[in-house]
Amino acid sequence: MTKLTPIESEFATTEEAEAYDAWFRATIEARMTSDNPRIPHDEAMARMQAIIDRRKTA
């Protein structure tokens, strides 16, 4: 187990970093191979802006 400093990584050890990397890659692969309908960029950005706007007024 190699310890990492905050300058090197947000993870405490290389094992934690590798585990996160494996999870992240698996998540992206699952999304890319999913049959779920894609959301166009403009629609995704509009949805996010609506969330931001709601939180500003809350």
PDB file of N, CA and C in Angstrom:
ATOM      1  N   MET A   1       0.861  -1.180   0.000  1.00  0.00           N
ATOM      2  CA  MET A   1       0.000   0.000   0.000  1.00  0.00           C
ATOM      3  C   MET A   1       0.901   1.234   0.000  1.00  0.00           C
ATOM      4  N   THR A   2       0.742   2.050  -1.026  1.00  0.00           N
ATOM      5  CA  THR A   2       1.514   3.290  -1.120  1.00  0.00           C
ATOM      6  C   THR A   2       0.638   4.455  -0.676  1.00  0.00           C
ATOM      7  N   LYS A   3       1.134   5.188   0.322  1.00  0.00           N
ATOM      8  CA  LYS A   3       0.389   6.360   0.779  1.00  0.00           C
ATOM      9  C   LYS A   3       0.639   7.510  -0.186  1.00  0.00           C
ATOM     10  N   LEU A   4      -0.374   8.310  -0.391  1.00  0.00           N
ATOM     11  CA  LEU A   4      -0.287   9.460  -1.275  1.00  0.00           C
ATOM     12  C   LEU A   4      -0.490  10.734  -0.473  1.00  0.00           C
ATOM     13  N   THR A   5       0.091  11.818  -0.927  1.00  0.00           N
ATOM     14  CA  THR A   5      -0.108  13.106  -0.269  1.00  0.00           C
ATOM     15  C   THR A   5      -1.238  13.841  -0.981  1.00  0.00           C
ATOM     16  N   PRO A   6      -1.841  14.832  -0.325  1.00  0.00           N
ATOM     17  CA  PRO A   6      -2.912  15.605  -0.981  1.00  0.00           C
ATOM     18  C   PRO A   6      -2.441  16.312  -2.254  1.00  0.00           C
ATOM     19  N   ILE A   7      -1.154  16.550  -2.372  1.00  0.00           N
ATOM     20  CA  ILE A   7      -0.627  17.177  -3.589  1.00  0.00           C
ATOM     21  C   ILE A   7      -0.680  16.188  -4.757  1.00  0.00           C
ATOM     22  N   GLU A   8      -0.471  14.917  -4.472  1.00  0.00           N
ATOM     23  CA  GLU A   8      -0.461  13.889  -5.514  1.00  0.00           C
ATOM     24  C   GLU A   8      -1.855  13.448  -5.924  1.00  0.00           C
ATOM     25  N   SER A   9      -2.745  13.315  -4.935  1.00  0.00           N
ATOM     26  CA  SER A   9      -4.036  12.704  -5.210  1.00  0.00           C
ATOM     27  C   SER A   9      -5.036  13.063  -4.123  1.00  0.00           C
ATOM     28  N   GLU A  10      -6.315  12.978  -4.459  1.00  0.00           N
ATOM     29  CA  GLU A  10      -7.352  13.187  -3.455  1.00  0.00           C
ATOM     30  C   GLU A  10      -7.579  11.917  -2.637  1.00  0.00           C
ATOM     31  N   PHE A  11      -6.929  10.824  -3.005  1.00  0.00           N
ATOM     32  CA  PHE A  11      -7.067   9.556  -2.304  1.00  0.00           C
ATOM     33  C   PHE A  11      -5.880   9.348  -1.367  1.00  0.00           C
ATOM     34  N   ALA A  12      -6.114   8.601  -0.298  1.00  0.00           N
ATOM     35  CA  ALA A  12      -5.069   8.377   0.697  1.00  0.00           C
ATOM     36  C   ALA A  12      -4.042   7.347   0.242  1.00  0.00           C
ATOM     37  N   THR A  13      -4.486   6.373  -0.565  1.00  0.00           N
ATOM     38  CA  THR A  13      -3.568   5.318  -1.008  1.00  0.00           C
ATOM     39  C   THR A  13      -3.757   5.043  -2.499  1.00  0.00           C
ATOM     40  N   THR A  14      -2.781   4.368  -3.074  1.00  0.00           N
ATOM     41  CA  THR A  14      -2.899   3.991  -4.490  1.00  0.00           C
ATOM     42  C   THR A  14      -4.044   2.999  -4.681  1.00  0.00           C
ATOM     43  N   GLU A  15      -4.283   2.148  -3.671  1.00  0.00           N
ATOM     44  CA  GLU A  15      -5.382   1.182  -3.773  1.00  0.00           C
ATOM     45  C   GLU A  15      -6.726   1.886  -3.873  1.00  0.00           C
ATOM     46  N   GLU A  16      -6.916   2.938  -3.078  1.00  0.00           N
ATOM     47  CA  GLU A  16      -8.162   3.705  -3.150  1.00  0.00           C
ATOM     48  C   GLU A  16      -8.303   4.360  -4.521  1.00  0.00           C
ATOM     49  N   ALA A  17      -7.217   4.917  -5.025  1.00  0.00           N
ATOM     50  CA  ALA A  17      -7.253   5.564  -6.340  1.00  0.00           C
ATOM     51  C   ALA A  17      -7.571   4.546  -7.432  1.00  0.00           C
ATOM     52  N   GLU A  18      -6.961   3.375  -7.362  1.00  0.00           N
ATOM     53  CA  GLU A  18      -7.213   2.342  -8.370  1.00  0.00           C
ATOM     54  C   GLU A  18      -8.640   1.808  -8.289  1.00  0.00           C
ATOM     55  N   ALA A  19      -9.168   1.664  -7.083  1.00  0.00           N
ATOM     56  CA  ALA A  19     -10.543   1.195  -6.920  1.00  0.00           C
ATOM     57  C   ALA A  19     -11.521   2.213  -7.508  1.00  0.00           C
ATOM     58  N   TYR A  20     -11.283   3.490  -7.253  1.00  0.00           N
ATOM     59  CA  TYR A  20     -12.151   4.530  -7.811  1.00  0.00           C
ATOM     60  C   TYR A  20     -12.054   4.520  -9.330  1.00  0.00           C
ATOM     61  N   ASP A  21     -10.844   4.416  -9.858  1.00  0.00           N
ATOM     62  CA  ASP A  21     -10.652   4.409 -11.307  1.00  0.00           C
ATOM     63  C   ASP A  21     -11.409   3.241 -11.942  1.00  0.00           C
ATOM     64  N   ALA A  22     -11.342   2.069 -11.323  1.00  0.00           N
ATOM     65  CA  ALA A  22     -12.059   0.899 -11.856  1.00  0.00           C
ATOM     66  C   ALA A  22     -13.562   1.128 -11.820  1.00  0.00           C
ATOM     67  N   TRP A  23     -14.070   1.666 -10.717  1.00  0.00           N
ATOM     68  CA  TRP A  23     -15.509   1.961 -10.612  1.00  0.00           C
ATOM     69  C   TRP A  23     -15.928   2.978 -11.666  1.00  0.00           C
ATOM     70  N   PHE A  24     -15.144   4.057 -11.801  1.00  0.00           N
ATOM     71  CA  PHE A  24     -15.472   5.107 -12.750  1.00  0.00           C
ATOM     72  C   PHE A  24     -15.497   4.574 -14.179  1.00  0.00           C
ATOM     73  N   ARG A  25     -14.491   3.811 -14.554  1.00  0.00           N
ATOM     74  CA  ARG A  25     -14.437   3.244 -15.901  1.00  0.00           C
ATOM     75  C   ARG A  25     -15.612   2.299 -16.164  1.00  0.00           C
ATOM     76  N   ALA A  26     -15.970   1.485 -15.177  1.00  0.00           N
ATOM     77  CA  ALA A  26     -17.110   0.568 -15.334  1.00  0.00           C
ATOM     78  C   ALA A  26     -18.411   1.346 -15.486  1.00  0.00           C
ATOM     79  N   THR A  27     -18.550   2.433 -14.733  1.00  0.00           N
ATOM     80  CA  THR A  27     -19.755   3.260 -14.820  1.00  0.00           C
ATOM     81  C   THR A  27     -19.876   3.896 -16.203  1.00  0.00           C
ATOM     82  N   ILE A  28     -18.792   4.446 -16.702  1.00  0.00           N
ATOM     83  CA  ILE A  28     -18.805   5.068 -18.029  1.00  0.00           C
ATOM     84  C   ILE A  28     -19.089   4.029 -19.108  1.00  0.00           C
ATOM     85  N   GLU A  29     -18.452   2.872 -19.009  1.00  0.00           N
ATOM     86  CA  GLU A  29     -18.688   1.806 -19.989  1.00  0.00           C
ATOM     87  C   GLU A  29     -20.156   1.390 -19.988  1.00  0.00           C
ATOM     88  N   ALA A  30     -20.744   1.269 -18.810  1.00  0.00           N
ATOM     89  CA  ALA A  30     -22.159   0.890 -18.718  1.00  0.00           C
ATOM     90  C   ALA A  30     -23.044   1.949 -19.365  1.00  0.00           C
ATOM     91  N   ARG A  31     -22.740   3.206 -19.148  1.00  0.00           N
ATOM     92  CA  ARG A  31     -23.535   4.291 -19.743  1.00  0.00           C
ATOM     93  C   ARG A  31     -23.390   4.299 -21.270  1.00  0.00           C
ATOM     94  N   MET A  32     -22.181   4.056 -21.741  1.00  0.00           N
ATOM     95  CA  MET A  32     -21.951   4.106 -23.191  1.00  0.00           C
ATOM     96  C   MET A  32     -22.609   2.940 -23.927  1.00  0.00           C
ATOM     97  N   THR A  33     -22.761   1.818 -23.246  1.00  0.00           N
ATOM     98  CA  THR A  33     -23.369   0.657 -23.895  1.00  0.00           C
ATOM     99  C   THR A  33     -24.860   0.531 -23.577  1.00  0.00           C
ATOM    100  N   SER A  34     -25.390   1.466 -22.811  1.00  0.00           N
ATOM    101  CA  SER A  34     -26.798   1.436 -22.422  1.00  0.00           C
ATOM    102  C   SER A  34     -27.704   1.692 -23.625  1.00  0.00           C
ATOM    103  N   ASP A  35     -28.873   1.076 -23.588  1.00  0.00           N
ATOM    104  CA  ASP A  35     -29.875   1.302 -24.633  1.00  0.00           C
ATOM    105  C   ASP A  35     -30.818   2.443 -24.281  1.00  0.00           C
ATOM    106  N   ASN A  36     -30.607   3.057 -23.119  1.00  0.00           N
ATOM    107  CA  ASN A  36     -31.460   4.191 -22.730  1.00  0.00           C
ATOM    108  C   ASN A  36     -31.296   5.327 -23.730  1.00  0.00           C
ATOM    109  N   PRO A  37     -32.378   6.083 -23.954  1.00  0.00           N
ATOM    110  CA  PRO A  37     -32.278   7.181 -24.915  1.00  0.00           C
ATOM    111  C   PRO A  37     -31.301   8.252 -24.443  1.00  0.00           C
ATOM    112  N   ARG A  38     -30.585   8.822 -25.384  1.00  0.00           N
ATOM    113  CA  ARG A  38     -29.618   9.876 -25.088  1.00  0.00           C
ATOM    114  C   ARG A  38     -30.346  11.203 -24.912  1.00  0.00           C
ATOM    115  N   ILE A  39     -29.772  12.081 -24.108  1.00  0.00           N
ATOM    116  CA  ILE A  39     -30.325  13.416 -23.920  1.00  0.00           C
ATOM    117  C   ILE A  39     -29.426  14.383 -24.684  1.00  0.00           C
ATOM    118  N   PRO A  40     -29.995  15.175 -25.590  1.00  0.00           N
ATOM    119  CA  PRO A  40     -29.176  16.144 -26.327  1.00  0.00           C
ATOM    120  C   PRO A  40     -28.508  17.128 -25.365  1.00  0.00           C
ATOM    121  N   HIS A  41     -27.332  17.599 -25.727  1.00  0.00           N
ATOM    122  CA  HIS A  41     -26.547  18.499 -24.890  1.00  0.00           C
ATOM    123  C   HIS A  41     -27.356  19.721 -24.457  1.00  0.00           C
ATOM    124  N   ASP A  42     -28.038  20.350 -25.393  1.00  0.00           N
ATOM    125  CA  ASP A  42     -28.812  21.553 -25.064  1.00  0.00           C
ATOM    126  C   ASP A  42     -29.878  21.268 -24.012  1.00  0.00           C
ATOM    127  N   GLU A  43     -30.528  20.122 -24.127  1.00  0.00           N
ATOM    128  CA  GLU A  43     -31.553  19.767 -23.145  1.00  0.00           C
ATOM    129  C   GLU A  43     -30.930  19.482 -21.777  1.00  0.00           C
ATOM    130  N   ALA A  44     -29.808  18.787 -21.766  1.00  0.00           N
ATOM    131  CA  ALA A  44     -29.121  18.510 -20.498  1.00  0.00           C
ATOM    132  C   ALA A  44     -28.701  19.812 -19.830  1.00  0.00           C
ATOM    133  N   MET A  45     -28.156  20.749 -20.593  1.00  0.00           N
ATOM    134  CA  MET A  45     -27.731  22.030 -20.038  1.00  0.00           C
ATOM    135  C   MET A  45     -28.928  22.826 -19.524  1.00  0.00           C
ATOM    136  N   ALA A  46     -30.039  22.781 -20.229  1.00  0.00           N
ATOM    137  CA  ALA A  46     -31.244  23.482 -19.787  1.00  0.00           C
ATOM    138  C   ALA A  46     -31.761  22.891 -18.479  1.00  0.00           C
ATOM    139  N   ARG A  47     -31.720  21.580 -18.362  1.00  0.00           N
ATOM    140  CA  ARG A  47     -32.149  20.933 -17.116  1.00  0.00           C
ATOM    141  C   ARG A  47     -31.255  21.357 -15.946  1.00  0.00           C
ATOM    142  N   MET A  48     -29.950  21.385 -16.187  1.00  0.00           N
ATOM    143  CA  MET A  48     -29.021  21.771 -15.129  1.00  0.00           C
ATOM    144  C   MET A  48     -29.211  23.243 -14.740  1.00  0.00           C
ATOM    145  N   GLN A  49     -29.445  24.099 -15.724  1.00  0.00           N
ATOM    146  CA  GLN A  49     -29.672  25.512 -15.434  1.00  0.00           C
ATOM    147  C   GLN A  49     -30.936  25.696 -14.615  1.00  0.00           C
ATOM    148  N   ALA A  50     -31.967  24.908 -14.896  1.00  0.00           N
ATOM    149  CA  ALA A  50     -33.211  24.981 -14.128  1.00  0.00           C
ATOM    150  C   ALA A  50     -32.965  24.582 -12.674  1.00  0.00           C
ATOM    151  N   ILE A  51     -32.147  23.564 -12.455  1.00  0.00           N
ATOM    152  CA  ILE A  51     -31.808  23.157 -11.081  1.00  0.00           C
ATOM    153  C   ILE A  51     -31.052  24.274 -10.374  1.00  0.00           C
ATOM    154  N   ILE A  52     -30.091  24.865 -11.059  1.00  0.00           N
ATOM    155  CA  ILE A  52     -29.318  25.974 -10.478  1.00  0.00           C
ATOM    156  C   ILE A  52     -30.236  27.139 -10.140  1.00  0.00           C
ATOM    157  N   ASP A  53     -31.111  27.480 -11.062  1.00  0.00           N
ATOM    158  CA  ASP A  53     -32.031  28.605 -10.839  1.00  0.00           C
ATOM    159  C   ASP A  53     -32.958  28.347  -9.649  1.00  0.00           C
ATOM    160  N   ARG A  54     -33.465  27.127  -9.534  1.00  0.00           N
ATOM    161  CA  ARG A  54     -34.337  26.788  -8.401  1.00  0.00           C
ATOM    162  C   ARG A  54     -33.589  26.924  -7.075  1.00  0.00           C
ATOM    163  N   ARG A  55     -32.349  26.530  -7.056  1.00  0.00           N
ATOM    164  CA  ARG A  55     -31.569  26.596  -5.811  1.00  0.00           C
ATOM    165  C   ARG A  55     -31.194  28.028  -5.454  1.00  0.00           C
ATOM    166  N   LYS A  56     -31.049  28.899  -6.455  1.00  0.00           N
ATOM    167  CA  LYS A  56     -30.743  30.304  -6.200  1.00  0.00           C
ATOM    168  C   LYS A  56     -31.911  30.992  -5.517  1.00  0.00           C
ATOM    169  N   THR A  57     -33.133  30.597  -5.879  1.00  0.00           N
ATOM    170  CA  THR A  57     -34.319  31.250  -5.336  1.00  0.00           C
ATOM    171  C   THR A  57     -34.796  30.587  -4.035  1.00  0.00           C
ATOM    172  N   ALA A  58     -34.245  29.465  -3.708  1.00  0.00           N
ATOM    173  CA  ALA A  58     -34.683  28.740  -2.494  1.00  0.00           C
ATOM    174  C   ALA A  58     -34.101  29.343  -1.235  1.00  0.00           C
TER     175      ALA A  58
END
